[in-house]
Amino acid sequence: MFEAAWVEGLDVNEPATIVWAAGRAGLDPEVLRMELAGPGPAEGVRTALAEFERLQCPGVPTVVVDGQRFFGKDRVDWIADICRAGG
């Protein structure tokens, strides 16, 4: 999807773009479309959003490591250090 959006300038909200990206990634676009239409992805999104709210995440990117919340791309080094240290 990165290549679709930032290299090719395609709209990642368009089904044709998803099919294109799936093909580029070596995935069967029809199988992917069927999987995405099932109940799993929607439930996963609802679960992720509920967790996002529960952890009081202010926006994207927000990363929570062992209950400690980090917001903003300038915190990535801190997150990496904590993960390397084992949490």
PDB file of N, CA and C in Angstrom:
ATOM      1  N   MET A   1       0.824  -1.177   0.000  1.00  0.00           N
ATOM      2  CA  MET A   1       0.000   0.000   0.000  1.00  0.00           C
ATOM      3  C   MET A   1       0.875   1.249   0.000  1.00  0.00           C
ATOM      4  N   PHE A   2       2.035   1.160   0.641  1.00  0.00           N
ATOM      5  CA  PHE A   2       2.948   2.299   0.634  1.00  0.00           C
ATOM      6  C   PHE A   2       3.321   2.660  -0.796  1.00  0.00           C
ATOM      7  N   GLU A   3       3.713   1.643  -1.559  1.00  0.00           N
ATOM      8  CA  GLU A   3       4.091   1.881  -2.950  1.00  0.00           C
ATOM      9  C   GLU A   3       2.920   2.450  -3.740  1.00  0.00           C
ATOM     10  N   ALA A   4       1.729   1.908  -3.495  1.00  0.00           N
ATOM     11  CA  ALA A   4       0.543   2.389  -4.211  1.00  0.00           C
ATOM     12  C   ALA A   4       0.324   3.874  -3.943  1.00  0.00           C
ATOM     13  N   ALA A   5       0.405   4.270  -2.668  1.00  0.00           N
ATOM     14  CA  ALA A   5       0.119   5.650  -2.305  1.00  0.00           C
ATOM     15  C   ALA A   5       1.251   6.600  -2.653  1.00  0.00           C
ATOM     16  N   TRP A   6       2.470   6.258  -2.243  1.00  0.00           N
ATOM     17  CA  TRP A   6       3.565   7.215  -2.295  1.00  0.00           C
ATOM     18  C   TRP A   6       4.415   7.136  -3.550  1.00  0.00           C
ATOM     19  N   VAL A   7       4.395   5.992  -4.222  1.00  0.00           N
ATOM     20  CA  VAL A   7       5.172   5.872  -5.457  1.00  0.00           C
ATOM     21  C   VAL A   7       4.265   6.063  -6.671  1.00  0.00           C
ATOM     22  N   GLU A   8       3.148   5.332  -6.666  1.00  0.00           N
ATOM     23  CA  GLU A   8       2.245   5.364  -7.814  1.00  0.00           C
ATOM     24  C   GLU A   8       1.185   6.455  -7.728  1.00  0.00           C
ATOM     25  N   GLY A   9       0.995   7.026  -6.527  1.00  0.00           N
ATOM     26  CA  GLY A   9      -0.006   8.082  -6.367  1.00  0.00           C
ATOM     27  C   GLY A   9      -1.435   7.582  -6.461  1.00  0.00           C
ATOM     28  N   LEU A  10      -1.655   6.324  -6.117  1.00  0.00           N
ATOM     29  CA  LEU A  10      -2.998   5.740  -6.185  1.00  0.00           C
ATOM     30  C   LEU A  10      -3.770   6.006  -4.902  1.00  0.00           C
ATOM     31  N   ASP A  11      -5.077   5.975  -4.998  1.00  0.00           N
ATOM     32  CA  ASP A  11      -5.951   6.171  -3.846  1.00  0.00           C
ATOM     33  C   ASP A  11      -6.134   4.832  -3.143  1.00  0.00           C
ATOM     34  N   VAL A  12      -5.592   4.693  -1.935  1.00  0.00           N
ATOM     35  CA  VAL A  12      -5.636   3.414  -1.229  1.00  0.00           C
ATOM     36  C   VAL A  12      -7.029   3.063  -0.723  1.00  0.00           C
ATOM     37  N   ASN A  13      -7.987   3.960  -0.891  1.00  0.00           N
ATOM     38  CA  ASN A  13      -9.372   3.665  -0.519  1.00  0.00           C
ATOM     39  C   ASN A  13     -10.145   3.014  -1.654  1.00  0.00           C
ATOM     40  N   GLU A  14      -9.545   2.944  -2.815  1.00  0.00           N
ATOM     41  CA  GLU A  14     -10.207   2.371  -3.980  1.00  0.00           C
ATOM     42  C   GLU A  14      -9.950   0.862  -4.056  1.00  0.00           C
ATOM     43  N   PRO A  15     -10.998   0.086  -4.284  1.00  0.00           N
ATOM     44  CA  PRO A  15     -10.816  -1.367  -4.409  1.00  0.00           C
ATOM     45  C   PRO A  15      -9.788  -1.760  -5.471  1.00  0.00           C
ATOM     46  N   ALA A  16      -9.745  -1.044  -6.569  1.00  0.00           N
ATOM     47  CA  ALA A  16      -8.781  -1.374  -7.631  1.00  0.00           C
ATOM     48  C   ALA A  16      -7.344  -1.225  -7.133  1.00  0.00           C
ATOM     49  N   THR A  17      -7.107  -0.266  -6.263  1.00  0.00           N
ATOM     50  CA  THR A  17      -5.770  -0.072  -5.705  1.00  0.00           C
ATOM     51  C   THR A  17      -5.408  -1.228  -4.784  1.00  0.00           C
ATOM     52  N   ILE A  18      -6.362  -1.687  -4.000  1.00  0.00           N
ATOM     53  CA  ILE A  18      -6.116  -2.825  -3.107  1.00  0.00           C
ATOM     54  C   ILE A  18      -5.793  -4.066  -3.919  1.00  0.00           C
ATOM     55  N   VAL A  19      -6.527  -4.280  -5.015  1.00  0.00           N
ATOM     56  CA  VAL A  19      -6.257  -5.415  -5.903  1.00  0.00           C
ATOM     57  C   VAL A  19      -4.852  -5.275  -6.495  1.00  0.00           C
ATOM     58  N   TRP A  20      -4.497  -4.079  -6.936  1.00  0.00           N
ATOM     59  CA  TRP A  20      -3.169  -3.830  -7.503  1.00  0.00           C
ATOM     60  C   TRP A  20      -2.083  -4.138  -6.475  1.00  0.00           C
ATOM     61  N   ALA A  21      -2.246  -3.616  -5.257  1.00  0.00           N
ATOM     62  CA  ALA A  21      -1.245  -3.810  -4.210  1.00  0.00           C
ATOM     63  C   ALA A  21      -1.131  -5.279  -3.812  1.00  0.00           C
ATOM     64  N   ALA A  22      -2.252  -5.968  -3.753  1.00  0.00           N
ATOM     65  CA  ALA A  22      -2.224  -7.396  -3.418  1.00  0.00           C
ATOM     66  C   ALA A  22      -1.415  -8.164  -4.455  1.00  0.00           C
ATOM     67  N   GLY A  23      -1.654  -7.869  -5.710  1.00  0.00           N
ATOM     68  CA  GLY A  23      -0.901  -8.521  -6.781  1.00  0.00           C
ATOM     69  C   GLY A  23       0.583  -8.236  -6.683  1.00  0.00           C
ATOM     70  N   ARG A  24       0.953  -6.990  -6.373  1.00  0.00           N
ATOM     71  CA  ARG A  24       2.363  -6.616  -6.217  1.00  0.00           C
ATOM     72  C   ARG A  24       3.006  -7.354  -5.047  1.00  0.00           C
ATOM     73  N   ALA A  25       2.209  -7.658  -4.011  1.00  0.00           N
ATOM     74  CA  ALA A  25       2.725  -8.354  -2.826  1.00  0.00           C
ATOM     75  C   ALA A  25       2.708  -9.869  -2.991  1.00  0.00           C
ATOM     76  N   GLY A  26       2.253 -10.338  -4.144  1.00  0.00           N
ATOM     77  CA  GLY A  26       2.212 -11.776  -4.389  1.00  0.00           C
ATOM     78  C   GLY A  26       1.010 -12.463  -3.774  1.00  0.00           C
ATOM     79  N   LEU A  27      -0.011 -11.694  -3.431  1.00  0.00           N
ATOM     80  CA  LEU A  27      -1.238 -12.255  -2.858  1.00  0.00           C
ATOM     81  C   LEU A  27      -2.292 -12.406  -3.949  1.00  0.00           C
ATOM     82  N   ASP A  28      -3.177 -13.342  -3.746  1.00  0.00           N
ATOM     83  CA  ASP A  28      -4.299 -13.513  -4.663  1.00  0.00           C
ATOM     84  C   ASP A  28      -5.348 -12.455  -4.322  1.00  0.00           C
ATOM     85  N   PRO A  29      -5.569 -11.487  -5.206  1.00  0.00           N
ATOM     86  CA  PRO A  29      -6.503 -10.402  -4.896  1.00  0.00           C
ATOM     87  C   PRO A  29      -7.917 -10.876  -4.567  1.00  0.00           C
ATOM     88  N   GLU A  30      -8.385 -11.917  -5.227  1.00  0.00           N
ATOM     89  CA  GLU A  30      -9.746 -12.398  -4.961  1.00  0.00           C
ATOM     90  C   GLU A  30      -9.856 -13.044  -3.583  1.00  0.00           C
ATOM     91  N   VAL A  31      -8.850 -13.811  -3.199  1.00  0.00           N
ATOM     92  CA  VAL A  31      -8.837 -14.410  -1.860  1.00  0.00           C
ATOM     93  C   VAL A  31      -8.781 -13.307  -0.807  1.00  0.00           C
ATOM     94  N   LEU A  32      -7.945 -12.310  -1.039  1.00  0.00           N
ATOM     95  CA  LEU A  32      -7.848 -11.197  -0.107  1.00  0.00           C
ATOM     96  C   LEU A  32      -9.182 -10.481   0.023  1.00  0.00           C
ATOM     97  N   ARG A  33      -9.828 -10.223  -1.097  1.00  0.00           N
ATOM     98  CA  ARG A  33     -11.126  -9.533  -1.064  1.00  0.00           C
ATOM     99  C   ARG A  33     -12.157 -10.334  -0.275  1.00  0.00           C
ATOM    100  N   MET A  34     -12.173 -11.645  -0.456  1.00  0.00           N
ATOM    101  CA  MET A  34     -13.114 -12.497   0.280  1.00  0.00           C
ATOM    102  C   MET A  34     -12.799 -12.462   1.772  1.00  0.00           C
ATOM    103  N   GLU A  35     -11.520 -12.522   2.127  1.00  0.00           N
ATOM    104  CA  GLU A  35     -11.125 -12.478   3.536  1.00  0.00           C
ATOM    105  C   GLU A  35     -11.529 -11.152   4.173  1.00  0.00           C
ATOM    106  N   LEU A  36     -11.308 -10.066   3.454  1.00  0.00           N
ATOM    107  CA  LEU A  36     -11.639  -8.746   3.987  1.00  0.00           C
ATOM    108  C   LEU A  36     -13.138  -8.545   4.153  1.00  0.00           C
ATOM    109  N   ALA A  37     -13.928  -9.245   3.349  1.00  0.00           N
ATOM    110  CA  ALA A  37     -15.383  -9.110   3.425  1.00  0.00           C
ATOM    111  C   ALA A  37     -15.974  -9.907   4.593  1.00  0.00           C
ATOM    112  N   GLY A  38     -15.181 -10.788   5.185  1.00  0.00           N
ATOM    113  CA  GLY A  38     -15.660 -11.603   6.301  1.00  0.00           C
ATOM    114  C   GLY A  38     -15.747 -10.796   7.585  1.00  0.00           C
ATOM    115  N   PRO A  39     -16.222 -11.424   8.656  1.00  0.00           N
ATOM    116  CA  PRO A  39     -16.417 -10.715   9.918  1.00  0.00           C
ATOM    117  C   PRO A  39     -15.116 -10.395  10.667  1.00  0.00           C
ATOM    118  N   GLY A  40     -14.049 -11.097  10.392  1.00  0.00           N
ATOM    119  CA  GLY A  40     -12.797 -10.929  11.132  1.00  0.00           C
ATOM    120  C   GLY A  40     -12.208  -9.533  11.097  1.00  0.00           C
ATOM    121  N   PRO A  41     -11.996  -8.955   9.913  1.00  0.00           N
ATOM    122  CA  PRO A  41     -11.377  -7.625   9.867  1.00  0.00           C
ATOM    123  C   PRO A  41     -12.180  -6.550  10.599  1.00  0.00           C
ATOM    124  N   ALA A  42     -13.481  -6.542  10.446  1.00  0.00           N
ATOM    125  CA  ALA A  42     -14.298  -5.524  11.126  1.00  0.00           C
ATOM    126  C   ALA A  42     -14.201  -5.682  12.639  1.00  0.00           C
ATOM    127  N   GLU A  43     -14.236  -6.910  13.108  1.00  0.00           N
ATOM    128  CA  GLU A  43     -14.125  -7.152  14.553  1.00  0.00           C
ATOM    129  C   GLU A  43     -12.746  -6.749  15.057  1.00  0.00           C
ATOM    130  N   GLY A  44     -11.719  -7.014  14.250  1.00  0.00           N
ATOM    131  CA  GLY A  44     -10.363  -6.610  14.622  1.00  0.00           C
ATOM    132  C   GLY A  44     -10.234  -5.100  14.747  1.00  0.00           C
ATOM    133  N   VAL A  45     -10.867  -4.379  13.836  1.00  0.00           N
ATOM    134  CA  VAL A  45     -10.840  -2.913  13.895  1.00  0.00           C
ATOM    135  C   VAL A  45     -11.555  -2.417  15.141  1.00  0.00           C
ATOM    136  N   ARG A  46     -12.740  -2.984  15.426  1.00  0.00           N
ATOM    137  CA  ARG A  46     -13.480  -2.579  16.625  1.00  0.00           C
ATOM    138  C   ARG A  46     -12.672  -2.850  17.890  1.00  0.00           C
ATOM    139  N   THR A  47     -12.026  -3.997  17.955  1.00  0.00           N
ATOM    140  CA  THR A  47     -11.207  -4.347  19.110  1.00  0.00           C
ATOM    141  C   THR A  47     -10.029  -3.384  19.252  1.00  0.00           C
ATOM    142  N   ALA A  48      -9.359  -3.090  18.134  1.00  0.00           N
ATOM    143  CA  ALA A  48      -8.215  -2.174  18.174  1.00  0.00           C
ATOM    144  C   ALA A  48      -8.641  -0.773  18.606  1.00  0.00           C
ATOM    145  N   LEU A  49      -9.782  -0.305  18.113  1.00  0.00           N
ATOM    146  CA  LEU A  49     -10.255   1.027  18.500  1.00  0.00           C
ATOM    147  C   LEU A  49     -10.650   1.076  19.970  1.00  0.00           C
ATOM    148  N   ALA A  50     -11.267   0.009  20.464  1.00  0.00           N
ATOM    149  CA  ALA A  50     -11.626  -0.040  21.882  1.00  0.00           C
ATOM    150  C   ALA A  50     -10.366  -0.007  22.749  1.00  0.00           C
ATOM    151  N   GLU A  51      -9.338  -0.726  22.340  1.00  0.00           N
ATOM    152  CA  GLU A  51      -8.065  -0.732  23.071  1.00  0.00           C
ATOM    153  C   GLU A  51      -7.411   0.643  23.003  1.00  0.00           C
ATOM    154  N   PHE A  52      -7.475   1.284  21.855  1.00  0.00           N
ATOM    155  CA  PHE A  52      -6.949   2.629  21.653  1.00  0.00           C
ATOM    156  C   PHE A  52      -7.601   3.601  22.641  1.00  0.00           C
ATOM    157  N   GLU A  53      -8.921   3.507  22.770  1.00  0.00           N
ATOM    158  CA  GLU A  53      -9.642   4.374  23.705  1.00  0.00           C
ATOM    159  C   GLU A  53      -9.337   4.017  25.156  1.00  0.00           C
ATOM    160  N   ARG A  54      -9.279   2.712  25.457  1.00  0.00           N
ATOM    161  CA  ARG A  54      -8.998   2.274  26.824  1.00  0.00           C
ATOM    162  C   ARG A  54      -7.642   2.780  27.306  1.00  0.00           C
ATOM    163  N   LEU A  55      -6.672   2.774  26.416  1.00  0.00           N
ATOM    164  CA  LEU A  55      -5.324   3.214  26.760  1.00  0.00           C
ATOM    165  C   LEU A  55      -5.156   4.737  26.627  1.00  0.00           C
ATOM    166  N   GLN A  56      -6.234   5.418  26.283  1.00  0.00           N
ATOM    167  CA  GLN A  56      -6.255   6.879  26.165  1.00  0.00           C
ATOM    168  C   GLN A  56      -5.170   7.387  25.211  1.00  0.00           C
ATOM    169  N   CYS A  57      -5.136   6.793  24.047  1.00  0.00           N
ATOM    170  CA  CYS A  57      -4.164   7.198  23.037  1.00  0.00           C
ATOM    171  C   CYS A  57      -4.627   8.494  22.371  1.00  0.00           C
ATOM    172  N   PRO A  58      -3.766   9.500  22.322  1.00  0.00           N
ATOM    173  CA  PRO A  58      -4.171  10.794  21.791  1.00  0.00           C
ATOM    174  C   PRO A  58      -4.200  10.875  20.275  1.00  0.00           C
ATOM    175  N   GLY A  59      -3.586   9.963  19.583  1.00  0.00           N
ATOM    176  CA  GLY A  59      -3.548  10.029  18.130  1.00  0.00           C
ATOM    177  C   GLY A  59      -2.549   9.051  17.569  1.00  0.00           C
ATOM    178  N   VAL A  60      -2.212   9.240  16.326  1.00  0.00           N
ATOM    179  CA  VAL A  60      -1.326   8.325  15.635  1.00  0.00           C
ATOM    180  C   VAL A  60      -0.032   9.058  15.327  1.00  0.00           C
ATOM    181  N   PRO A  61       1.123   8.507  15.531  1.00  0.00           N
ATOM    182  CA  PRO A  61       1.328   7.183  16.104  1.00  0.00           C
ATOM    183  C   PRO A  61       1.347   7.218  17.630  1.00  0.00           C
ATOM    184  N   THR A  62       0.706   6.249  18.213  1.00  0.00           N
ATOM    185  CA  THR A  62       0.789   6.017  19.645  1.00  0.00           C
ATOM    186  C   THR A  62       1.184   4.562  19.828  1.00  0.00           C
ATOM    187  N   VAL A  63       2.162   4.320  20.674  1.00  0.00           N
ATOM    188  CA  VAL A  63       2.615   2.968  20.962  1.00  0.00           C
ATOM    189  C   VAL A  63       2.576   2.791  22.467  1.00  0.00           C
ATOM    190  N   VAL A  64       2.042   1.643  22.900  1.00  0.00           N
ATOM    191  CA  VAL A  64       1.998   1.329  24.321  1.00  0.00           C
ATOM    192  C   VAL A  64       2.863   0.101  24.548  1.00  0.00           C
ATOM    193  N   VAL A  65       3.858   0.234  25.429  1.00  0.00           N
ATOM    194  CA  VAL A  65       4.753  -0.866  25.776  1.00  0.00           C
ATOM    195  C   VAL A  65       4.652  -1.075  27.277  1.00  0.00           C
ATOM    196  N   ASP A  66       4.181  -2.242  27.662  1.00  0.00           N
ATOM    197  CA  ASP A  66       4.034  -2.577  29.083  1.00  0.00           C
ATOM    198  C   ASP A  66       3.292  -1.483  29.859  1.00  0.00           C
ATOM    199  N   GLY A  67       2.233  -0.979  29.268  1.00  0.00           N
ATOM    200  CA  GLY A  67       1.405   0.019  29.928  1.00  0.00           C
ATOM    201  C   GLY A  67       1.921   1.439  29.837  1.00  0.00           C
ATOM    202  N   GLN A  68       3.106   1.625  29.276  1.00  0.00           N
ATOM    203  CA  GLN A  68       3.692   2.956  29.130  1.00  0.00           C
ATOM    204  C   GLN A  68       3.351   3.478  27.729  1.00  0.00           C
ATOM    205  N   ARG A  69       2.757   4.661  27.660  1.00  0.00           N
ATOM    206  CA  ARG A  69       2.267   5.218  26.410  1.00  0.00           C
ATOM    207  C   ARG A  69       3.270   6.210  25.825  1.00  0.00           C
ATOM    208  N   PHE A  70       3.526   6.065  24.517  1.00  0.00           N
ATOM    209  CA  PHE A  70       4.410   6.961  23.782  1.00  0.00           C
ATOM    210  C   PHE A  70       3.648   7.508  22.586  1.00  0.00           C
ATOM    211  N   PHE A  71       3.669   8.830  22.425  1.00  0.00           N
ATOM    212  CA  PHE A  71       2.960   9.459  21.327  1.00  0.00           C
ATOM    213  C   PHE A  71       3.929  10.273  20.485  1.00  0.00           C
ATOM    214  N   GLY A  72       3.859  10.075  19.197  1.00  0.00           N
ATOM    215  CA  GLY A  72       4.650  10.865  18.265  1.00  0.00           C
ATOM    216  C   GLY A  72       5.831  10.103  17.705  1.00  0.00           C
ATOM    217  N   LYS A  73       6.145  10.411  16.450  1.00  0.00           N
ATOM    218  CA  LYS A  73       7.236   9.692  15.787  1.00  0.00           C
ATOM    219  C   LYS A  73       8.602   9.998  16.381  1.00  0.00           C
ATOM    220  N   ASP A  74       8.721  11.090  17.116  1.00  0.00           N
ATOM    221  CA  ASP A  74      10.002  11.410  17.739  1.00  0.00           C
ATOM    222  C   ASP A  74      10.294  10.520  18.942  1.00  0.00           C
ATOM    223  N   ARG A  75       9.350   9.674  19.330  1.00  0.00           N
ATOM    224  CA  ARG A  75       9.539   8.767  20.466  1.00  0.00           C
ATOM    225  C   ARG A  75       9.964   7.357  20.038  1.00  0.00           C
ATOM    226  N   VAL A  76      10.110   7.135  18.749  1.00  0.00           N
ATOM    227  CA  VAL A  76      10.432   5.797  18.243  1.00  0.00           C
ATOM    228  C   VAL A  76      11.740   5.282  18.834  1.00  0.00           C
ATOM    229  N   ASP A  77      12.731   6.126  18.974  1.00  0.00           N
ATOM    230  CA  ASP A  77      14.006   5.685  19.567  1.00  0.00           C
ATOM    231  C   ASP A  77      13.812   5.226  21.008  1.00  0.00           C
ATOM    232  N   TRP A  78      12.974   5.944  21.754  1.00  0.00           N
ATOM    233  CA  TRP A  78      12.699   5.547  23.137  1.00  0.00           C
ATOM    234  C   TRP A  78      12.037   4.170  23.174  1.00  0.00           C
ATOM    235  N   ILE A  79      11.077   3.974  22.295  1.00  0.00           N
ATOM    236  CA  ILE A  79      10.352   2.697  22.238  1.00  0.00           C
ATOM    237  C   ILE A  79      11.319   1.568  21.894  1.00  0.00           C
ATOM    238  N   ALA A  80      12.166   1.799  20.914  1.00  0.00           N
ATOM    239  CA  ALA A  80      13.144   0.774  20.523  1.00  0.00           C
ATOM    240  C   ALA A  80      14.074   0.435  21.680  1.00  0.00           C
ATOM    241  N   ASP A  81      14.523   1.443  22.408  1.00  0.00           N
ATOM    242  CA  ASP A  81      15.407   1.200  23.562  1.00  0.00           C
ATOM    243  C   ASP A  81      14.707   0.361  24.624  1.00  0.00           C
ATOM    244  N   ILE A  82      13.453   0.671  24.913  1.00  0.00           N
ATOM    245  CA  ILE A  82      12.699  -0.087  25.922  1.00  0.00           C
ATOM    246  C   ILE A  82      12.506  -1.531  25.468  1.00  0.00           C
ATOM    247  N   CYS A  83      12.185  -1.708  24.195  1.00  0.00           N
ATOM    248  CA  CYS A  83      11.987  -3.065  23.671  1.00  0.00           C
ATOM    249  C   CYS A  83      13.286  -3.867  23.703  1.00  0.00           C
ATOM    250  N   ARG A  84      14.393  -3.223  23.355  1.00  0.00           N
ATOM    251  CA  ARG A  84      15.696  -3.913  23.401  1.00  0.00           C
ATOM    252  C   ARG A  84      16.059  -4.306  24.823  1.00  0.00           C
ATOM    253  N   ALA A  85      15.655  -3.477  25.780  1.00  0.00           N
ATOM    254  CA  ALA A  85      15.974  -3.754  27.183  1.00  0.00           C
ATOM    255  C   ALA A  85      15.041  -4.817  27.773  1.00  0.00           C
ATOM    256  N   GLY A  86      14.074  -5.243  26.989  1.00  0.00           N
ATOM    257  CA  GLY A  86      13.168  -6.289  27.474  1.00  0.00           C
ATOM    258  C   GLY A  86      11.945  -5.743  28.179  1.00  0.00           C
ATOM    259  N   GLY A  87      11.591  -4.495  27.873  1.00  0.00           N
ATOM    260  CA  GLY A  87      10.377  -3.926  28.457  1.00  0.00           C
ATOM    261  C   GLY A  87      10.718  -3.172  29.662  1.00  0.00           C
TER     262      GLY A  87
END
